[in-house]
C-alpha atoms as a PDB file:
ATOM      1  CA  MET A   1       0.000   0.000   0.000  1.00  0.00           C
ATOM      2  CA  SER A   2       1.455   3.309  -1.057  1.00  0.00           C
ATOM      3  CA  THR A   3       0.738   6.431   0.953  1.00  0.00           C
ATOM      4  CA  THR A   4       0.546   9.844  -0.580  1.00  0.00           C
ATOM      5  CA  PRO A   5       2.445  12.757   0.953  1.00  0.00           C
ATOM      6  CA  TRP A   6       0.522  14.888   3.468  1.00  0.00           C
ATOM      7  CA  TYR A   7       0.382  17.952   1.203  1.00  0.00           C
ATOM      8  CA  LYS A   8      -1.569  15.996  -1.430  1.00  0.00           C
ATOM      9  CA  GLN A   9      -4.336  15.005   0.981  1.00  0.00           C
ATOM     10  CA  PHE A  10      -7.536  16.960   1.691  1.00  0.00           C
ATOM     11  CA  TRP A  11      -7.771  17.021   5.515  1.00  0.00           C
ATOM     12  CA  PRO A  12      -4.468  18.756   6.375  1.00  0.00           C
ATOM     13  CA  TRP A  13      -5.347  21.621   4.015  1.00  0.00           C
ATOM     14  CA  PHE A  14      -8.855  21.833   5.436  1.00  0.00           C
ATOM     15  CA  ILE A  15      -7.479  22.074   8.984  1.00  0.00           C
ATOM     16  CA  ILE A  16      -4.891  24.696   7.948  1.00  0.00           C
ATOM     17  CA  PHE A  17      -7.531  26.765   6.097  1.00  0.00           C
ATOM     18  CA  ILE A  18      -9.615  27.505   9.228  1.00  0.00           C
ATOM     19  CA  PRO A  19      -6.911  29.377  11.220  1.00  0.00           C
ATOM     20  CA  ALA A  20      -5.441  30.941   8.069  1.00  0.00           C
ATOM     21  CA  GLY A  21      -8.885  32.207   7.009  1.00  0.00           C
ATOM     22  CA  THR A  22      -9.467  33.623  10.486  1.00  0.00           C
ATOM     23  CA  ILE A  23      -6.179  35.516  10.395  1.00  0.00           C
ATOM     24  CA  VAL A  24      -6.962  36.989   6.963  1.00  0.00           C
ATOM     25  CA  ALA A  25     -10.455  38.036   8.126  1.00  0.00           C
ATOM     26  CA  CYS A  26      -9.066  39.671  11.293  1.00  0.00           C
ATOM     27  CA  VAL A  27      -6.407  41.620   9.380  1.00  0.00           C
ATOM     28  CA  THR A  28      -8.987  42.745   6.820  1.00  0.00           C
ATOM     29  CA  LEU A  29     -11.383  43.883   9.558  1.00  0.00           C
ATOM     30  CA  LEU A  30      -8.588  45.660  11.429  1.00  0.00           C
ATOM     31  CA  VAL A  31      -7.548  47.597   8.312  1.00  0.00           C
ATOM     32  CA  TYR A  32     -11.161  48.482   7.498  1.00  0.00           C
ATOM     33  CA  MET A  33     -11.989  49.675  11.027  1.00  0.00           C
ATOM     34  CA  SER A  34      -8.842  51.765  11.356  1.00  0.00           C
ATOM     35  CA  ASP A  35      -9.829  53.711   8.226  1.00  0.00           C
ATOM     36  CA  LYS A  36     -13.512  54.070   9.100  1.00  0.00           C
ATOM     37  CA  GLY A  37     -13.567  54.875  12.807  1.00  0.00           C
ATOM     38  CA  PRO A  38     -16.655  56.359  14.441  1.00  0.00           C
ATOM     39  CA  SER A  39     -17.172  60.061  13.843  1.00  0.00           C
ATOM     40  CA  MET A  40     -16.954  62.208  16.948  1.00  0.00           C
ATOM     41  CA  VAL A  41     -20.209  64.043  17.482  1.00  0.00           C
ATOM     42  CA  VAL A  42     -18.593  66.442  19.958  1.00  0.00           C
ATOM     43  CA  ASP A  43     -14.852  67.074  19.903  1.00  0.00           C
ATOM     44  CA  ASP A  44     -14.440  69.150  23.058  1.00  0.00           C
ATOM     45  CA  TYR A  45     -16.414  67.508  25.852  1.00  0.00           C
ATOM     46  CA  TYR A  46     -15.267  69.979  28.507  1.00  0.00           C
ATOM     47  CA  LYS A  47     -16.592  73.046  26.679  1.00  0.00           C
ATOM     48  CA  LYS A  48     -19.778  71.190  25.805  1.00  0.00           C
ATOM     49  CA  GLY A  49     -20.254  70.274  29.457  1.00  0.00           C
ATOM     50  CA  LYS A  50     -19.856  73.895  30.546  1.00  0.00           C
ATOM     51  CA  ALA A  51     -22.393  74.970  27.927  1.00  0.00           C
ATOM     52  CA  ILE A  52     -25.060  72.594  29.265  1.00  0.00           C
ATOM     53  CA  ASN A  53     -26.003  75.021  32.042  1.00  0.00           C
ATOM     54  CA  LEU A  54     -26.604  77.760  29.467  1.00  0.00           C
ATOM     55  CA  GLU A  55     -28.710  75.348  27.412  1.00  0.00           C
ATOM     56  CA  LEU A  56     -30.894  74.463  30.402  1.00  0.00           C
ATOM     57  CA  SER A  57     -31.739  78.103  31.010  1.00  0.00           C
ATOM     58  CA  LYS A  58     -33.078  78.301  27.441  1.00  0.00           C
ATOM     59  CA  PHE A  59     -35.348  75.319  28.089  1.00  0.00           C
ATOM     60  CA  ASP A  60     -36.519  76.951  31.343  1.00  0.00           C
ATOM     61  CA  ARG A  61     -37.309  80.114  29.383  1.00  0.00           C
ATOM     62  CA  SER A  62     -39.498  78.133  26.958  1.00  0.00           C
ATOM     63  CA  LYS A  63     -41.314  76.649  29.972  1.00  0.00           C
ATOM     64  CA  ALA A  64     -41.858  80.142  31.402  1.00  0.00           C
ATOM     65  CA  LEU A  65     -43.313  81.274  28.051  1.00  0.00           C
ATOM     66  CA  TYR A  66     -45.472  78.111  28.003  1.00  0.00           C
ATOM     67  CA  LEU A  67     -44.527  77.393  24.400  1.00  0.00           C
ATOM     68  CA  HIS A  68     -46.286  74.566  22.583  1.00  0.00           C
ATOM     69  CA  ALA A  69     -45.845  73.943  18.876  1.00  0.00           C
ATOM     70  CA  ASP A  70     -46.903  71.609  16.116  1.00  0.00           C
ATOM     71  CA  LEU A  71     -44.195  70.450  13.726  1.00  0.00           C
ATOM     72  CA  PHE A  72     -45.241  69.292  10.265  1.00  0.00           C
ATOM     73  CA  ILE A  73     -42.784  67.575   7.919  1.00  0.00           C
ATOM     74  CA  ASN A  74     -44.151  66.596   4.538  1.00  0.00           C
ATOM     75  CA  ASP A  75     -42.301  66.182   1.208  1.00  0.00           C
ATOM     76  CA  GLY A  76     -39.331  68.253   2.346  1.00  0.00           C
ATOM     77  CA  VAL A  77     -41.458  71.107   3.702  1.00  0.00           C
ATOM     78  CA  VAL A  78     -40.923  71.803   7.400  1.00  0.00           C
ATOM     79  CA  LYS A  79     -43.556  73.932   9.156  1.00  0.00           C
ATOM     80  CA  VAL A  80     -43.785  75.022  12.799  1.00  0.00           C
ATOM     81  CA  SER A  81     -47.036  76.430  14.218  1.00  0.00           C
ATOM     82  CA  PHE A  82     -47.168  77.722  17.779  1.00  0.00           C
ATOM     83  CA  THR A  83     -50.365  76.520  19.444  1.00  0.00           C
ATOM     84  CA  LYS A  84     -49.872  77.920  22.974  1.00  0.00           C
ATOM     85  CA  GLY A  85     -47.718  80.446  24.735  1.00  0.00           C
ATOM     86  CA  ASP A  86     -45.892  83.575  23.688  1.00  0.00           C
ATOM     87  CA  SER A  87     -43.162  82.896  21.149  1.00  0.00           C
ATOM     88  CA  LEU A  88     -42.248  86.626  21.144  1.00  0.00           C
ATOM     89  CA  ASN A  89     -42.624  86.540  17.333  1.00  0.00           C
ATOM     90  CA  PRO A  90     -38.997  86.022  16.336  1.00  0.00           C
ATOM     91  CA  PRO A  91     -37.974  87.040  12.795  1.00  0.00           C
ATOM     92  CA  ALA A  92     -36.888  83.449  12.057  1.00  0.00           C
ATOM     93  CA  LEU A  93     -36.410  80.083  13.733  1.00  0.00           C
ATOM     94  CA  LYS A  94     -33.272  77.982  13.708  1.00  0.00           C
ATOM     95  CA  THR A  95     -34.305  74.345  13.454  1.00  0.00           C
ATOM     96  CA  SER A  96     -31.673  71.653  13.964  1.00  0.00           C
ATOM     97  CA  PHE A  97     -32.280  67.989  13.163  1.00  0.00           C
ATOM     98  CA  TYR A  98     -29.662  65.742  14.790  1.00  0.00           C
ATOM     99  CA  HIS A  99     -29.697  62.129  13.650  1.00  0.00           C
ATOM    100  CA  THR A 100     -29.381  59.796  16.623  1.00  0.00           C
ATOM    101  CA  THR A 101     -26.421  57.862  15.235  1.00  0.00           C
ATOM    102  CA  LEU A 102     -25.015  59.423  12.051  1.00  0.00           C
ATOM    103  CA  LYS A 103     -23.540  62.922  12.093  1.00  0.00           C
ATOM    104  CA  ASP A 104     -23.594  63.066   8.278  1.00  0.00           C
ATOM    105  CA  LYS A 105     -27.415  63.098   8.362  1.00  0.00           C
ATOM    106  CA  ASP A 106     -27.669  66.156  10.645  1.00  0.00           C
ATOM    107  CA  VAL A 107     -29.591  69.053   9.078  1.00  0.00           C
ATOM    108  CA  GLU A 108     -29.897  72.693  10.112  1.00  0.00           C
ATOM    109  CA  LEU A 109     -32.681  74.759   8.638  1.00  0.00           C
ATOM    110  CA  THR A 110     -33.831  78.370   9.032  1.00  0.00           C
ATOM    111  CA  LEU A 111     -37.610  78.747   9.077  1.00  0.00           C
ATOM    112  CA  THR A 112     -39.139  82.083   8.109  1.00  0.00           C
ATOM    113  CA  PRO A 113     -42.619  83.349   9.023  1.00  0.00           C
ATOM    114  CA  ASN A 114     -45.447  83.352   6.514  1.00  0.00           C
ATOM    115  CA  ALA A 115     -48.692  85.355   6.423  1.00  0.00           C
ATOM    116  CA  ASN A 116     -50.474  82.857   8.713  1.00  0.00           C
ATOM    117  CA  GLY A 117     -47.911  83.300  11.474  1.00  0.00           C
ATOM    118  CA  ASP A 118     -46.428  79.850  10.863  1.00  0.00           C
ATOM    119  CA  TYR A 119     -42.734  79.311  10.236  1.00  0.00           C
ATOM    120  CA  SER A 120     -41.736  77.249   7.218  1.00  0.00           C
ATOM    121  CA  GLY A 121     -38.740  76.134   5.214  1.00  0.00           C
ATOM    122  CA  VAL A 122     -37.797  73.598   2.554  1.00  0.00           C
ATOM    123  CA  THR A 123     -35.092  70.943   2.580  1.00  0.00           C
ATOM    124  CA  ASP A 124     -34.407  67.756   0.664  1.00  0.00           C
ATOM    125  CA  LEU A 125     -31.743  66.554   3.106  1.00  0.00           C
ATOM    126  CA  LEU A 126     -34.030  64.900   5.683  1.00  0.00           C
ATOM    127  CA  GLU A 127     -34.055  61.127   5.409  1.00  0.00           C
ATOM    128  CA  ASP A 128     -36.151  58.562   7.226  1.00  0.00           C
ATOM    129  CA  GLY A 129     -34.911  57.774  10.714  1.00  0.00           C
ATOM    130  CA  ARG A 130     -34.805  58.972  14.316  1.00  0.00           C
ATOM    131  CA  TYR A 131     -33.865  62.590  14.996  1.00  0.00           C
ATOM    132  CA  THR A 132     -33.597  64.897  17.955  1.00  0.00           C
ATOM    133  CA  ILE A 133     -34.944  68.268  16.892  1.00  0.00           C
ATOM    134  CA  PHE A 134     -34.133  71.625  18.474  1.00  0.00           C
ATOM    135  CA  ILE A 135     -36.198  74.715  17.675  1.00  0.00           C
ATOM    136  CA  GLU A 136     -35.012  78.130  18.800  1.00  0.00           C
ATOM    137  CA  PRO A 137     -35.318  81.734  17.648  1.00  0.00           C
ATOM    138  CA  ILE A 138     -32.402  83.321  15.852  1.00  0.00           C
ATOM    139  CA  ASN A 139     -31.495  85.327  18.972  1.00  0.00           C
ATOM    140  CA  GLY A 140     -31.375  82.089  21.045  1.00  0.00           C
ATOM    141  CA  GLU A 141     -33.653  83.354  23.814  1.00  0.00           C
ATOM    142  CA  TRP A 142     -35.486  80.043  24.300  1.00  0.00           C
ATOM    143  CA  LYS A 143     -35.255  76.486  23.005  1.00  0.00           C
ATOM    144  CA  LEU A 144     -37.577  73.525  22.438  1.00  0.00           C
ATOM    145  CA  LYS A 145     -36.518  69.899  22.019  1.00  0.00           C
ATOM    146  CA  GLU A 146     -38.286  66.768  20.817  1.00  0.00           C
ATOM    147  CA  ASN A 147     -37.340  63.283  19.638  1.00  0.00           C
ATOM    148  CA  ILE A 148     -39.025  62.351  16.358  1.00  0.00           C
ATOM    149  CA  THR A 149     -39.069  59.470  13.910  1.00  0.00           C
ATOM    150  CA  LEU A 150     -39.528  60.088  10.199  1.00  0.00           C
ATOM    151  CA  PRO A 151     -41.631  59.481   8.182  1.00  0.00           C
ATOM    152  CA  TYR A 152     -44.707  60.608  10.085  1.00  0.00           C
ATOM    153  CA  GLU A 153     -47.974  61.791   8.533  1.00  0.00           C
ATOM    154  CA  ASN A 154     -49.376  63.837  11.435  1.00  0.00           C
ATOM    155  CA  ALA A 155     -48.021  66.800  13.362  1.00  0.00           C
ATOM    156  CA  PHE A 156     -45.406  66.283  16.064  1.00  0.00           C
ATOM    157  CA  LYS A 157     -46.541  67.895  19.332  1.00  0.00           C
ATOM    158  CA  ILE A 158     -43.616  69.799  20.826  1.00  0.00           C
ATOM    159  CA  LYS A 159     -43.859  70.766  24.498  1.00  0.00           C
ATOM    160  CA  PRO A 160     -41.524  72.814  26.683  1.00  0.00           C
ATOM    161  CA  GLU A 161     -40.015  69.878  28.535  1.00  0.00           C
ATOM    162  CA  TYR A 162     -36.372  68.969  28.544  1.00  0.00           C
ATOM    163  CA  LYS A 163     -36.051  65.240  27.802  1.00  0.00           C
END
């Protein structure tokens, strides 16, 4: 009976392939992840932490004004209507949509008043997903916040509560 050399048989190569394939996969994943690391949403945590106290006073101001608003988003048109409280009729609203996970999907939009007293603007950058939205006047006197999920057919009810 003649035996063939080990390198001509199936099972040694099969056993060698498993660890070799694992090493190749790990090196490939390591190279990929080093190039595509997570994007930093906030670079300077210390300054952001100090600014939180200023932010909270803006939310308290919106509570004092008893601001309530309806937010409509339909086909790229964003509209804000104040339903309660005194918005102090700002000349424009700064509306920021922050995607919960991807910084590239964040959108900032300036809404201007129309004849009905509503504030509206147009954007084609909003995609389906979860967002945290901040609404504030251009002068930054008060601020509203709400978590939303797009798409949504009805109006989002925005209340002066910090969440």
